[in-house]
Amino acid sequence: MSEILYIKIDQNIEVDHIDVRLGDVAKLECTNASVKNRLKTLKLLKIQAEKSSRYIFSILKVVELIHEIYPDLEIQNLGETDFIIDYESSEYARDRWSFVKVALVCVTIFIGSAFSIMTFNNDVGVSQVFDQVYLLLTGQQSDGFTILEVTYSVGIAVGIIIFYNHFGGKRITKDPTPMEVQIRQYEDDVNTTLIEGCNRKETSIDVD
């Protein structure tokens, strides 16, 4: 009875060294421990880029490389049929410009969110609505700083905290936030586009 190798590879794998081996990108399982340990050291490719680069890899190429060592080994793929090896050098990852870019993005998002809230309030006339509601309930003219404005401001802050699911560097719940879901969907769309584009151009690393 032939041995079976179970292999699982995610759609996108990030590496920080130029010699990429099977154990760096895949999870392997086999009843024969020596086979699994040997295949973990199987070299898939040598990165040529100096900073960052992406390589589209086919599972068939992985199977071909494995069969060069173990021709009779049965392989069961439990992961992606095409995957991306994303190389980022350690020097590039520690680049100061990356921290500057993150800081600029955070500042831009903060200013944009504040501007959106202010323009929304002006468009719908929130201050006028509060004045009218306060006048109807109390019979007095609002001075612009009442319980309505206070609770509204607190509600915005609470809503933002719940939406981002973080407060003071701590996560409130284990559930992903809508922002995290959208980012994940965006990453999946980018990966799918890269893979399909390389397959059409026939530039992916595949079997002959």
Foldseek 3Di string as FASTA:
>chain_A
DAWEKEKAFEAEAEDAAFFDARLRTIDIDTPDVVLVVVRRRHTDGGDDDDAKDKAKAAVQSVVVSSCVVVVRYHYDYPYDRIHMYIYGHPVRVPDPVVVVVVVVVVVVVVVVVVVVVVVVCVVVVVQVVVQVVCCVVPVDGDPSDDPVVVVVVVVVVVVVCVQCQDDPNDGNDPDHHPVVVVVVVVVVVVSVVVNVVCVVVVNHHHDD
